[in-house]
Structures are given as structure tokens and as C-alpha cells.
Protein backbone atom coordinates (compact mmCIF):
# COMPACT_ATOMS: atom_id res chain seq x y z
CA UNK A 1 63.91 18.38 -26.13
CA UNK A 2 60.20 17.09 -25.31
CA UNK A 3 61.03 14.03 -27.55
CA UNK A 4 64.87 13.39 -26.08
CA UNK A 5 63.41 13.46 -22.47
CA UNK A 6 60.62 11.29 -23.52
CA UNK A 7 58.06 14.06 -22.50
CA UNK A 8 55.80 13.87 -25.59
CA UNK A 9 52.68 11.93 -24.03
CA UNK A 10 52.78 14.11 -20.84
CA UNK A 11 53.08 17.43 -23.00
CA UNK A 12 49.90 15.92 -25.26
CA UNK A 13 47.87 14.98 -21.74
CA UNK A 14 48.68 18.70 -20.73
CA UNK A 15 47.53 20.28 -24.15
CA UNK A 16 44.32 17.95 -23.69
CA UNK A 17 43.42 20.23 -20.47
CA UNK A 18 44.05 23.60 -22.02
CA UNK A 19 40.95 25.67 -23.41
CA UNK A 20 42.97 26.23 -26.51
CA UNK A 21 46.06 24.85 -27.78
CA UNK A 22 49.09 27.10 -26.66
CA UNK A 23 53.02 26.99 -25.55
CA UNK A 24 53.55 25.17 -22.37
CA UNK A 25 55.80 28.17 -21.53
CA UNK A 26 54.64 31.08 -19.62
CA UNK A 27 55.97 34.66 -19.91
CA UNK A 28 56.67 36.70 -16.94
CA UNK A 29 57.93 36.38 -13.39
CA UNK A 30 57.63 32.59 -12.35
CA UNK A 31 57.52 33.39 -8.65
CA UNK A 32 54.25 35.18 -9.55
CA UNK A 33 52.95 32.27 -11.45
CA UNK A 34 53.63 29.67 -8.72
CA UNK A 35 51.77 32.09 -5.99
CA UNK A 36 49.11 32.42 -8.09
CA UNK A 37 48.98 28.52 -8.84
CA UNK A 38 49.44 27.96 -5.21
CA UNK A 39 46.31 29.92 -4.22
CA UNK A 40 44.08 28.69 -7.10
CA UNK A 41 44.75 25.27 -6.26
CA UNK A 42 42.68 25.73 -3.25
CA UNK A 43 39.33 26.38 -4.94
CA UNK A 44 36.98 24.30 -6.81
CA UNK A 45 35.43 26.17 -10.08
CA UNK A 46 34.62 25.79 -13.63
CA UNK A 47 37.56 25.26 -15.98
CA UNK A 48 37.56 27.71 -19.20
CA UNK A 49 35.36 27.08 -21.97
CA UNK A 50 37.54 25.87 -25.56
CA UNK A 51 38.07 29.05 -27.28
CA UNK A 52 39.78 29.44 -30.69
CA UNK A 53 43.00 31.07 -30.84
CA UNK A 54 42.09 34.99 -31.52
CA UNK A 55 45.69 36.63 -32.80
CA UNK A 56 44.15 37.15 -36.24
CA UNK A 57 40.78 38.20 -35.41
CA UNK A 58 42.77 40.94 -33.10
CA UNK A 59 44.91 42.06 -36.14
CA UNK A 60 41.56 42.02 -38.09
CA UNK A 61 39.96 44.62 -35.97
CA UNK A 62 43.07 46.74 -35.39
CA UNK A 63 42.60 47.35 -39.51
CA UNK A 64 38.86 48.23 -39.15
CA UNK A 65 37.78 44.57 -40.43
CA UNK A 66 34.73 43.20 -39.70
CA UNK A 67 34.24 40.09 -37.59
CA UNK A 68 31.88 37.27 -37.96
CA UNK A 69 29.10 36.78 -35.45
CA UNK A 70 31.06 33.33 -34.63
CA UNK A 71 34.33 35.22 -33.99
CA UNK A 72 32.71 37.96 -32.14
CA UNK A 73 31.42 35.37 -29.68
CA UNK A 74 34.69 33.43 -29.24
CA UNK A 75 35.58 36.87 -27.69
CA UNK A 76 31.91 36.74 -25.63
CA UNK A 77 32.94 33.49 -24.25
CA UNK A 78 36.17 34.91 -22.94
CA UNK A 79 34.41 37.90 -21.45
CA UNK A 80 31.58 35.46 -19.78
CA UNK A 81 34.13 33.25 -18.20
CA UNK A 82 36.02 36.34 -16.47
CA UNK A 83 32.30 37.79 -15.75
CA UNK A 84 31.94 34.09 -13.61
CA UNK A 85 35.28 34.19 -11.95
CA UNK A 86 35.19 38.08 -10.98
CA UNK A 87 31.41 37.01 -9.63
CA UNK A 88 33.06 34.08 -7.08
CA UNK A 89 34.36 34.75 -3.67
CA UNK A 90 38.06 34.76 -3.94
CA UNK A 91 40.00 35.33 -0.59
CA UNK A 92 43.58 35.85 -2.08
CA UNK A 93 42.81 36.47 -5.77
CA UNK A 94 40.94 39.71 -5.75
CA UNK A 95 43.94 41.88 -6.49
CA UNK A 96 44.67 40.17 -9.65
CA UNK A 97 41.23 39.96 -10.62
CA UNK A 98 40.14 43.37 -10.02
CA UNK A 99 42.22 44.94 -12.54
CA UNK A 100 39.79 43.15 -15.49
CA UNK A 101 37.38 45.69 -15.36
CA UNK A 102 34.78 45.03 -18.54
CA UNK A 103 34.00 48.21 -20.55
CA UNK A 104 30.00 48.74 -20.47
CA UNK A 105 30.17 48.99 -24.24
CA UNK A 106 31.48 45.75 -24.60
CA UNK A 107 28.90 44.40 -21.54
CA UNK A 108 26.28 45.95 -24.02
CA UNK A 109 27.34 43.49 -26.98
CA UNK A 110 27.65 40.44 -24.77
CA UNK A 111 24.04 40.84 -23.75
CA UNK A 112 23.06 40.33 -27.54
CA UNK A 113 24.13 36.61 -27.48
CA UNK A 114 22.56 33.54 -26.15
CA UNK A 115 24.56 31.17 -24.73
CA UNK A 116 24.98 29.42 -27.84
CA UNK A 117 26.19 32.04 -29.71
CA UNK A 118 22.98 33.13 -31.36
CA UNK A 119 22.20 36.96 -31.90
CA UNK A 120 19.11 37.65 -29.77
CA UNK A 121 17.19 40.87 -28.80
CA UNK A 122 17.03 41.91 -32.39
CA UNK A 123 13.04 42.32 -33.29
CA UNK A 124 13.97 42.50 -36.91
CA UNK A 125 15.68 39.13 -36.71
CA UNK A 126 12.64 37.88 -34.38
CA UNK A 127 10.45 38.62 -37.13
CA UNK A 128 12.04 36.95 -40.06
CA UNK A 129 12.88 33.76 -37.97
CA UNK A 130 8.85 33.61 -37.53
CA UNK A 131 8.21 34.17 -41.28
CA UNK A 132 10.94 31.36 -41.86
CA UNK A 133 9.32 29.19 -39.98
CA UNK A 134 5.48 29.71 -41.51
CA UNK A 135 7.14 29.29 -44.99
CA UNK A 136 8.74 26.20 -44.38
CA UNK A 137 5.61 24.74 -42.79
CA UNK A 138 4.01 25.86 -46.32
CA UNK A 139 6.87 23.71 -48.06
CA UNK A 140 6.25 20.94 -46.16
CA UNK A 141 1.90 21.01 -46.14
CA UNK A 142 2.74 21.37 -49.98
CA UNK A 143 5.25 18.25 -49.87
CA UNK A 144 2.50 16.32 -47.93
CA UNK A 145 -0.12 17.24 -51.07
CA UNK A 146 2.31 16.14 -53.61
CA UNK A 147 2.77 12.68 -51.84
CA UNK A 148 -1.36 11.90 -51.59
CA UNK A 149 -1.73 12.93 -55.65
CA UNK A 150 -3.07 10.39 -56.81
CA UNK A 151 -1.65 10.35 -60.47
CA UNK A 152 2.07 10.17 -58.56
CA UNK A 153 1.29 7.13 -56.78
CA UNK A 154 2.63 4.59 -59.23
CA UNK A 155 5.98 6.55 -59.05
CA UNK A 156 6.63 7.03 -55.46
CA UNK A 157 8.85 4.87 -53.68
CA UNK A 158 7.89 5.92 -50.34
CA UNK A 159 5.48 8.41 -48.43
CA UNK A 160 8.48 10.01 -46.68
CA UNK A 161 9.62 13.52 -46.97
CA UNK A 162 13.77 13.23 -47.55
CA UNK A 163 16.29 15.97 -47.02
CA UNK A 164 19.26 16.07 -49.37
CA UNK A 165 21.72 18.73 -49.56
CA UNK A 166 19.34 20.83 -47.41
CA UNK A 167 16.79 20.37 -49.69
CA UNK A 168 13.12 18.75 -48.64
CA UNK A 169 12.01 16.65 -51.52
CA UNK A 170 10.39 13.42 -52.36
CA UNK A 171 11.87 10.11 -53.96
CA UNK A 172 10.30 8.66 -57.39
CA UNK A 173 11.46 6.48 -60.14
CA UNK A 174 11.94 7.29 -63.78
CA UNK A 175 8.85 8.66 -65.98
CA UNK A 176 7.30 10.96 -63.08
CA UNK A 177 7.77 13.84 -65.37
CA UNK A 178 4.77 12.32 -66.85
CA UNK A 179 2.49 13.18 -64.10
CA UNK A 180 4.65 16.20 -62.02
CA UNK A 181 7.06 18.66 -63.04
CA UNK A 182 9.68 19.21 -60.77
CA UNK A 183 13.86 19.61 -60.45
CA UNK A 184 15.90 16.65 -59.85
CA UNK A 185 18.36 17.58 -56.85
CA UNK A 186 20.07 13.89 -56.48
CA UNK A 187 19.72 10.17 -57.10
CA UNK A 188 19.88 7.23 -54.70
CA UNK A 189 22.11 4.41 -54.63
CA UNK A 190 19.18 2.27 -56.64
CA UNK A 191 18.73 4.60 -59.12
CA UNK A 192 15.70 6.61 -58.10
CA UNK A 193 15.18 10.29 -58.39
CA UNK A 194 14.95 13.18 -55.38
CA UNK A 195 12.92 15.82 -56.64
CA UNK A 196 11.98 19.06 -55.93
CA UNK A 197 8.26 19.61 -57.09
CA UNK A 198 7.89 23.03 -59.08
CA UNK A 199 4.86 24.18 -57.61
CA UNK A 200 6.87 24.72 -54.58
CA UNK A 201 9.21 27.08 -56.07
CA UNK A 202 7.73 30.19 -54.82
CA UNK A 203 8.22 29.21 -51.41
CA UNK A 204 11.74 28.44 -52.01
CA UNK A 205 12.12 31.90 -53.44
CA UNK A 206 10.42 33.44 -50.65
CA UNK A 207 12.91 31.52 -48.15
CA UNK A 208 15.92 32.86 -50.50
CA UNK A 209 14.53 36.59 -49.96
CA UNK A 210 14.23 36.30 -45.95
CA UNK A 211 17.49 34.76 -45.49
CA UNK A 212 18.97 37.15 -47.64
CA UNK A 213 17.47 39.89 -45.44
CA UNK A 214 18.66 38.14 -42.49
CA UNK A 215 22.12 38.10 -43.25
CA UNK A 216 22.26 41.79 -44.17
CA UNK A 217 20.52 42.35 -40.63
CA UNK A 218 23.41 40.00 -39.22
CA UNK A 219 26.06 41.57 -41.04
CA UNK A 220 24.93 45.36 -39.92
CA UNK A 221 25.10 44.17 -36.32
CA UNK A 222 28.76 42.40 -36.82
CA UNK A 223 29.86 45.60 -38.74
CA UNK A 224 28.41 47.67 -35.67
CA UNK A 225 30.05 45.13 -32.70
CA UNK A 226 33.17 45.08 -34.57
CA UNK A 227 33.74 48.93 -34.72
CA UNK A 228 32.92 48.62 -30.97
CA UNK A 229 35.87 46.06 -30.81
CA UNK A 230 38.12 48.35 -32.63
CA UNK A 231 37.43 51.04 -30.44
CA UNK A 232 38.56 48.49 -27.43
CA UNK A 233 41.25 46.35 -29.02
CA UNK A 234 43.47 47.38 -26.58
CA UNK A 235 41.22 46.07 -23.82
CA UNK A 236 40.58 42.67 -25.99
CA UNK A 237 44.16 42.05 -26.30
CA UNK A 238 44.87 42.04 -22.93
CA UNK A 239 41.86 39.96 -21.81
CA UNK A 240 42.96 37.62 -24.59
CA UNK A 241 46.15 37.14 -22.61
CA UNK A 242 44.94 36.94 -19.40
CA UNK A 243 42.45 34.04 -20.44
CA UNK A 244 45.93 32.11 -21.57
CA UNK A 245 47.44 33.14 -18.45
CA UNK A 246 44.70 31.61 -16.31
CA UNK A 247 44.32 28.87 -18.81
CA UNK A 248 47.75 27.75 -18.39
CA UNK A 249 47.54 27.92 -14.62
CA UNK A 250 44.19 25.77 -14.73
CA UNK A 251 45.77 23.23 -17.11
CA UNK A 252 48.47 22.78 -14.60
CA UNK A 253 46.24 22.39 -11.47
CA UNK A 254 44.18 19.87 -13.13
CA UNK A 255 46.37 17.65 -14.39
CA UNK A 256 48.20 18.08 -10.61
CA UNK A 257 44.86 17.42 -9.05
CA UNK A 258 44.39 14.33 -11.38
CA UNK A 259 47.59 12.62 -10.76
CA UNK A 260 48.41 13.72 -7.79
CA UNK A 261 51.62 15.99 -8.70
CA UNK A 262 53.70 18.45 -6.85
CA UNK A 263 54.66 21.96 -8.19
CA UNK A 264 58.30 22.79 -7.52
CA UNK A 265 59.43 26.23 -7.63
CA UNK A 266 63.29 26.36 -8.63
CA UNK A 267 65.92 27.76 -6.37
CA UNK A 268 68.68 30.18 -7.00
CA UNK A 269 71.58 27.73 -6.09
CA UNK A 270 72.21 24.69 -8.54
CA UNK A 271 71.45 21.74 -6.34
CA UNK A 272 69.38 18.82 -7.40
CA UNK A 273 67.90 17.17 -4.56
CA UNK A 274 65.18 14.57 -5.67
CA UNK A 275 62.84 12.60 -3.07
CA UNK A 276 60.79 10.18 -4.75
CA UNK A 277 60.62 11.56 -8.22
CA UNK A 278 59.30 9.75 -10.95
CA UNK A 279 59.63 10.26 -14.87
CA UNK A 280 56.39 10.94 -16.23
CA UNK A 281 56.74 8.07 -19.04
CA UNK A 282 57.50 5.34 -16.53
CA UNK A 283 54.27 3.39 -15.61
CA UNK A 284 55.42 1.20 -12.85
CA UNK A 285 58.15 3.84 -11.59
CA UNK A 286 60.77 2.88 -9.48
CA UNK A 287 61.19 6.37 -7.15
CA UNK A 288 64.66 8.49 -7.23
CA UNK A 289 66.22 9.67 -4.24
CA UNK A 290 69.29 11.55 -5.22
CA UNK A 291 71.53 14.48 -3.97
CA UNK A 292 73.41 16.08 -6.44
CA UNK A 293 75.56 18.89 -5.25
CA UNK A 294 78.86 19.19 -7.46
CA UNK A 295 78.86 20.32 -10.98
CA UNK A 296 79.68 16.86 -12.36
CA UNK A 297 77.74 13.52 -12.15
CA UNK A 298 79.30 10.70 -13.60
CA UNK A 299 77.10 7.43 -13.73
CA UNK A 300 78.74 4.28 -14.20
CA UNK A 301 77.64 0.58 -13.99
CA UNK A 302 75.55 -2.22 -15.31
CA UNK A 303 74.13 -2.41 -18.94
CA UNK A 304 69.85 -1.47 -18.85
CA UNK A 305 70.31 -0.90 -15.08
CA UNK A 306 68.63 2.58 -15.46
CA UNK A 307 71.66 5.13 -16.11
CA UNK A 308 70.11 6.69 -19.09
CA UNK A 309 66.57 6.89 -17.19
CA UNK A 310 68.21 8.34 -14.37
CA UNK A 311 69.82 10.95 -16.57
CA UNK A 312 66.68 11.77 -18.32
CA UNK A 313 64.99 11.84 -14.57
CA UNK A 314 67.49 14.69 -13.68
CA UNK A 315 67.07 16.47 -16.82
CA UNK A 316 63.38 16.36 -16.87
CA UNK A 317 63.03 17.56 -13.09
CA UNK A 318 65.04 20.72 -14.14
CA UNK A 319 62.68 21.00 -17.30
CA UNK A 320 59.34 20.83 -15.40
CA UNK A 321 60.65 23.12 -12.46
CA UNK A 322 61.98 25.45 -15.03
CA UNK A 323 58.70 25.62 -16.60
CA UNK A 324 56.35 25.07 -13.77
CA UNK A 325 55.11 21.69 -14.64
CA UNK A 326 53.71 19.26 -12.02
CA UNK A 327 55.70 16.40 -11.31
CA UNK A 328 55.20 13.45 -9.12
CA UNK A 329 57.72 14.20 -6.32
CA UNK A 330 57.91 14.74 -2.75
CA UNK A 331 57.37 18.39 -1.72
CA UNK A 332 60.90 18.56 -0.23
CA UNK A 333 62.68 18.18 -3.54
CA UNK A 334 64.97 20.83 -4.42
CA UNK A 335 65.75 21.61 -7.80
CA UNK A 336 68.16 24.47 -9.07
CA UNK A 337 67.05 27.37 -11.79
CA UNK A 338 69.14 26.89 -15.23
CA UNK A 339 68.90 29.22 -18.14
CA UNK A 340 69.66 26.04 -20.56
CA UNK A 341 69.06 22.41 -20.21
CA UNK A 342 71.10 20.62 -23.15
CA UNK A 343 70.29 16.69 -24.03
CA UNK A 344 73.11 15.00 -25.72
CA UNK A 345 71.85 11.78 -25.63
CA UNK A 346 70.94 10.95 -29.31
CA UNK A 347 73.25 9.13 -31.89
CA UNK A 348 73.91 12.29 -34.39
CA UNK A 349 74.91 10.26 -37.17
CA UNK A 350 73.47 11.61 -40.32
CA UNK A 351 74.02 9.83 -43.94
CA UNK A 352 72.40 13.18 -45.68
CA UNK A 353 74.39 15.40 -43.99
CA UNK A 354 77.71 12.97 -44.28
CA UNK A 355 78.56 13.44 -40.41
CA UNK A 356 79.75 10.44 -38.27
CA UNK A 357 78.47 9.54 -34.78
CA UNK A 358 81.71 10.86 -33.34
CA UNK A 359 81.93 13.92 -36.02
CA UNK A 360 78.51 14.87 -34.66
CA UNK A 361 78.71 14.56 -30.71
CA UNK A 362 82.11 16.98 -31.20
CA UNK A 363 79.56 19.67 -32.91
CA UNK A 364 77.07 19.27 -30.33
CA UNK A 365 80.15 19.33 -27.62
CA UNK A 366 81.62 22.77 -29.30
CA UNK A 367 78.16 24.54 -28.88
CA UNK A 368 78.58 23.89 -24.91
CA UNK A 369 81.65 26.36 -24.65
CA UNK A 370 78.80 29.22 -25.63
CA UNK A 371 76.60 27.99 -22.96
CA UNK A 372 76.19 29.81 -19.58
CA UNK A 373 74.16 28.85 -16.65
CA UNK A 374 73.45 25.53 -18.02
CA UNK A 375 72.51 21.83 -17.13
CA UNK A 376 73.58 19.44 -19.36
CA UNK A 377 73.21 15.76 -20.02
CA UNK A 378 75.56 13.53 -21.98
CA UNK A 379 74.36 9.73 -22.47
CA UNK A 380 77.17 7.53 -23.27
CA UNK A 381 80.06 9.99 -23.61
CA UNK A 382 82.61 7.91 -25.50
CA UNK A 383 80.41 7.06 -28.04
CA UNK A 384 81.55 6.61 -31.58
CA UNK A 385 85.40 6.90 -31.20
CA UNK A 386 88.24 4.99 -29.81
CA UNK A 387 87.75 4.75 -25.86
CA UNK A 388 91.23 5.42 -24.76
CA UNK A 389 91.36 8.54 -27.09
CA UNK A 390 87.71 9.85 -26.12
CA UNK A 391 88.84 9.40 -22.44
CA UNK A 392 91.65 11.78 -22.30
CA UNK A 393 89.66 14.35 -24.97
CA UNK A 394 86.81 14.44 -22.84
CA UNK A 395 88.79 14.77 -19.55
CA UNK A 396 89.94 17.76 -20.81
CA UNK A 397 86.52 18.97 -22.29
CA UNK A 398 84.83 18.57 -18.86
CA UNK A 399 87.37 19.68 -16.88
CA UNK A 400 86.72 23.39 -19.22
CA UNK A 401 83.01 23.08 -18.83
CA UNK A 402 83.57 22.18 -14.79
CA UNK A 403 81.53 25.29 -13.94
CA UNK A 404 78.50 23.82 -15.87
CA UNK A 405 76.24 21.16 -14.30
CA UNK A 406 77.16 18.11 -16.20
CA UNK A 407 75.67 14.50 -15.84
CA UNK A 408 77.41 12.31 -17.83
CA UNK A 409 76.55 8.36 -18.49
CA UNK A 410 79.66 6.15 -19.14
CA UNK A 411 80.61 2.49 -19.67
CA UNK A 412 84.12 3.63 -19.74
CA UNK A 413 86.52 3.17 -16.77
CA UNK A 414 89.29 4.90 -17.83
CA UNK A 415 87.42 8.27 -18.12
CA UNK A 416 85.94 7.55 -14.81
CA UNK A 417 89.32 6.96 -12.96
CA UNK A 418 90.53 10.23 -14.58
CA UNK A 419 87.79 12.43 -13.20
CA UNK A 420 87.13 10.66 -9.84
CA UNK A 421 89.89 12.47 -8.02
CA UNK A 422 88.56 15.85 -9.06
CA UNK A 423 86.53 17.37 -6.00
CA UNK A 424 83.28 18.63 -8.31
CA UNK A 425 83.11 15.35 -9.68
CA UNK A 426 80.16 13.10 -8.17
CA UNK A 427 80.06 9.30 -8.92
CA UNK A 428 77.26 7.25 -8.88
CA UNK A 429 77.07 3.27 -9.81
CA UNK A 430 74.06 1.37 -11.24
CA UNK A 431 73.57 -1.76 -8.82
CA UNK A 432 73.52 -5.15 -10.11
CA UNK A 433 71.93 -7.98 -8.09
CA UNK A 434 74.93 -10.83 -9.06
CA UNK A 435 72.82 -13.53 -7.17
CA UNK A 436 69.61 -12.94 -9.21
CA UNK A 437 71.67 -11.60 -12.21
CA UNK A 438 69.58 -8.49 -13.10
CA UNK A 439 69.79 -4.88 -12.37
CA UNK A 440 68.36 -3.36 -9.32
CA UNK A 441 67.56 -0.15 -10.61
CA UNK A 442 69.12 1.55 -7.66
CA UNK A 443 72.44 3.37 -7.20
CA UNK A 444 75.23 3.83 -4.90
CA UNK A 445 77.13 7.29 -4.55
CA UNK A 446 80.99 7.39 -4.40
CA UNK A 447 82.05 4.61 -6.77
CA UNK A 448 82.64 3.32 -10.17
CA UNK A 449 80.28 0.65 -11.23
CA UNK A 450 81.11 -2.52 -13.46
CA UNK A 451 79.02 -3.08 -17.00
CA UNK A 452 78.40 -6.35 -16.44
CA UNK A 453 78.08 -6.98 -20.30
CA UNK A 454 78.87 -10.82 -20.06
CA UNK A 455 76.09 -11.28 -17.60
CA UNK A 456 73.69 -8.83 -19.44
CA UNK A 457 74.78 -11.10 -22.96
CA UNK A 458 73.72 -14.13 -21.08
CA UNK A 459 70.46 -12.68 -19.82
CA UNK A 460 69.28 -11.31 -23.10
CA UNK A 461 69.73 -14.86 -25.15
CA UNK A 462 73.45 -15.12 -26.28
CA UNK A 463 74.89 -18.81 -25.89
CA UNK A 464 76.54 -19.43 -22.95
CA UNK A 465 79.58 -20.69 -24.97
CA UNK A 466 80.06 -17.78 -26.80
CA UNK A 467 79.84 -15.82 -23.79
CA UNK A 468 82.81 -17.96 -22.19
CA UNK A 469 84.57 -17.67 -25.54
CA UNK A 470 84.44 -13.74 -25.13
CA UNK A 471 85.76 -14.07 -21.15
CA UNK A 472 88.44 -16.02 -22.04
CA UNK A 473 89.51 -13.39 -24.70
CA UNK A 474 88.88 -10.56 -22.55
CA UNK A 475 91.32 -12.33 -20.21
CA UNK A 476 91.34 -12.38 -16.18
CA UNK A 477 93.36 -9.48 -16.05
CA UNK A 478 91.28 -7.26 -17.38
CA UNK A 479 88.30 -8.88 -15.48
CA UNK A 480 90.33 -8.20 -11.99
CA UNK A 481 91.29 -4.74 -13.19
CA UNK A 482 87.31 -4.00 -13.09
CA UNK A 483 87.44 -5.38 -9.71
CA UNK A 484 90.38 -3.39 -8.67
CA UNK A 485 88.87 -0.13 -10.05
CA UNK A 486 85.94 -0.41 -8.11
CA UNK A 487 87.67 -1.16 -5.12
CA UNK A 488 90.49 1.47 -5.24
CA UNK A 489 88.04 4.30 -6.47
CA UNK A 490 86.01 3.32 -3.08
CA UNK A 491 88.84 3.45 -0.99
CA UNK A 492 90.08 6.36 -2.46
CA UNK A 493 86.53 8.17 -2.04
CA UNK A 494 86.60 6.93 1.51
CA UNK A 495 90.19 8.46 2.59
CA UNK A 496 89.39 11.56 1.27
CA UNK A 497 86.60 11.94 3.14
CA UNK A 498 88.18 10.90 6.34
CA UNK A 499 91.11 13.36 5.64
CA UNK A 500 88.28 16.40 5.27
CA UNK A 501 86.73 14.89 8.63
CA UNK A 502 90.30 15.14 10.23
CA UNK A 503 90.97 18.24 8.61
CA UNK A 504 87.92 19.75 10.25
CA UNK A 505 89.10 18.20 13.53
CA UNK A 506 92.48 19.62 13.61
CA UNK A 507 90.80 23.16 12.69
CA UNK A 508 88.51 22.80 15.69
CA UNK A 509 91.66 21.55 17.94
CA UNK A 510 93.69 24.75 16.69
CA UNK A 511 90.72 27.07 17.63
CA UNK A 512 90.71 25.60 21.28
CA UNK A 513 94.19 26.02 21.46
CA UNK A 514 94.17 29.76 20.10
């Protein structure tokens, strides 16, 4: 659906604002989410830190596993962030944040980590760190002694201490072993040797002992902290989920603030009233103003006039409202709530599955009879088969699906005229500027539009001679029919409106007489 509605870039932008990647779909009551988002928008606060997904770690502690300090600190980052949130003054968010009570045992673990995630306040570790520092100083001192060894001078490439694979060493040329015993730990691009002198081996052994002891102490603390986490696994599961919830709110709010977007809460009715709506994929957008109140919206008119983009925009607005994603629109926009949003837009032809365009379309349409409370978008409904046969078939299909909300684009005037008389069908036609020979990307309500295929062909480079031959082949009668369809449909709709108005007046007169 995201690809079909051209929302890939928008969702990527939204994901970049999250502390960790997650689905844009939020579980729970949309009204509660909307209310909290509206409240949070009023405040300035620091966004959540980047945190890894902790589902695997929660499963691990449920089974009495031992987490690494890096994994433990990911939980601590979440705890720290909620501590920060709880320390702030929120006039209308206290009720939510007061439910998050951090256990004392978790608080004590939190105190054992620095802001960078290093284990602190452990006396044994502090001693080992000091001994490691002294030992490294001894290694460097010994290396400088080697560099000043007069017999080695003719073999030295430079007087620097090099770092190779985490080991400090010196660079020498071949034959060095006549004056110095050492271990070769690498070679340079010029064929020189990086060596580690044997006389420093005792210091390296000491370093290994100290590091081993350090790891042992750290593991014991990790085991102890993991044991505490196991006891409080329900709390950690809860706060991990609440972090995702806040992160989802924050991502939406940050995107809305950056790009001046609005949150639209879906309404219970199925009306779609768009005011100054812009699809996120359009850079220089011509905003859409639309009142779509009936069940079927039939969009006809000029090629490349914006019909498909209008269809995608209607579906996109409903999609964004359904998942509380901020959109570029006026705050008075109203969008109904739909359980399903279905886009039949792409050509479903598939050579691998031996399926034709029309067969693929029929497969997609067959699923619609099982859909309930859906918003359906169908682009170029007559695609892939005989247009006249398709008109009759789709007329019956649409009549069967009339209780659903369906947006259709078509170039087929017969289908449009077959459906135009139904009270549940709204007509919308893309407007063509005949004087300047270009689409306006605007729409007129209540009429069927011409495709302007010949004019579009000329605009995009088809030679005039060929277009004139095509017009001649098309015939004056069919061209006149295009114009008559437009006029008759408009007149018929105008007549319907007048009848309705007269019926209302007659009803009022009867009431007055009574």
C-alpha cells in the first residue's frame, strides 16, 4: 500500500525521526493517541535517545539468561528517559506518566552506569583500571627504550610507536632479528615488519591477567543485574512498550513541526472533505479541495490531468488519518474512518503466473465482495479488455459494491454515462485549458470530461499529420458524441438538482397548507 500510494519517501522520513525502527501502526484507542499527541505538541522537550529493539533481550531474561552490560544499558537508557520526562512539569500529562513507577531495585542498577554506559562505582574494577593504565605505561616506556637501542638503529624505519590490531609495536626492515628478538605481528605495504619485542612479553601477560579478571568481575555484575531484571521482567516489558508508544508520538510530532503538518482524527461518518490537501510525494503541489460525500466518485477527463494523483491523494488522506500520520492540509479537513483501504492501481499482469491484465484485475475485484467498511480506489477501471464489455460488467460490479466507498478513474464515457444517473454516484472531471492546450490539474464537479487524447498526443511530440489522420479515422460523429455526452450529463445533473429543489419547495408548501 505504501508503494502504491507513493508514500515510501514519507515513511522513510518518519522512520528517521524515531529512536528505533518500528511499525507506524499504533495499537490501542486512536482517540487516546490523538488526545495525547495534541497535548504533547504544546511542549518543547528532548527527543528520546536511540535504542535497540529489546524484544530478544526480554525473552532472554524471561528464561533466566545473562545480558551483556551493553544490553542492560539499553534498558537503562529507557529508564533514564522516563526519569527525565517525570522530572518535567506537564500540566495535562501527569495522569499517564504517574502510572510509570520505577522500582527501587532498577534505580540501584541505574546508578552503576555512567552516561556512556560504562560500569562505575565498583572498587575492584577501579583498581584494575589503574593497574592496566600503569602496565600500558610500562609497555610504552619499554618500547621507547627499544627505539633508542643503538644496535637497532640501522634497521628502524622510523622512531614512532605504531598500533597494529590493537598492539603497540615498532616498524623495522628485514634482518632485525640479528640484534632484537621479537614477534612479527604484521607487514606494511612496503614490505617492512611490525614487531613486538620479546622483552615486553611479561607486561603483555600481566595485561591479559588483568583483563581476564576485569571480565570476570563484569560478568558477575551482569549476572546479578540480569537476575534483578528477571524479577522485574513485567515492568521492563511494560516500560519498553511505553517507550515505543512515546517514540511513535514524538516521531509524528517532530515531523508535523518540521513541515507544518496537521493531525486529522477520522470521523465516524464516511465523508471525505479535503481542504488544501497536498500529497507528500509532490514537491510543487497544487492543493486539493474536495467534497466527497456519496459512495461512488467517478473521475473522468483529460490524459495527464491529475486523475490518478487525485485518486491516490484521496486514499492517502484516509490512510494517514487512519494511522494518525501528519499531513499537509487545513485543520478543517474531515476524513471518515475505514477498516480497509484498497488500491487497485498497478497493472497486475504477471508472466510468471501466466495472468493477463484483465484476469489480474478480476482477481483483485473478486476480493472486494468480501470487504466491509472499505475505501477502494480503482485507476483506469476499464484496463485490459474490450471497453464496451467492460462498461457493462463494471456497471453491475459497482452497483453490487455501492455500499462501499469507491473512487474510480476512467476514460470510458459509456461506463460514466451508465453510472451517472445513480444517486450514489458523484462525477468529477479534470479540466483542460483548450486555449493553452494543457491540463489545469483542477476538477469540475457534476460532469463527464473528455480525454483530449489528440491534444495530449500533439503536446508530447506525435506529428500533427498523424494526429489529423487519427481524428479523421475517429470521425466527426464520435467527436460530436464526446461533446454531447458532456453537455447532456451536465444538463441531466442540473435538472436533477432543480427537481430536488422543487420537491423541497412543494413539501414546504404542503406543510404550510396543512
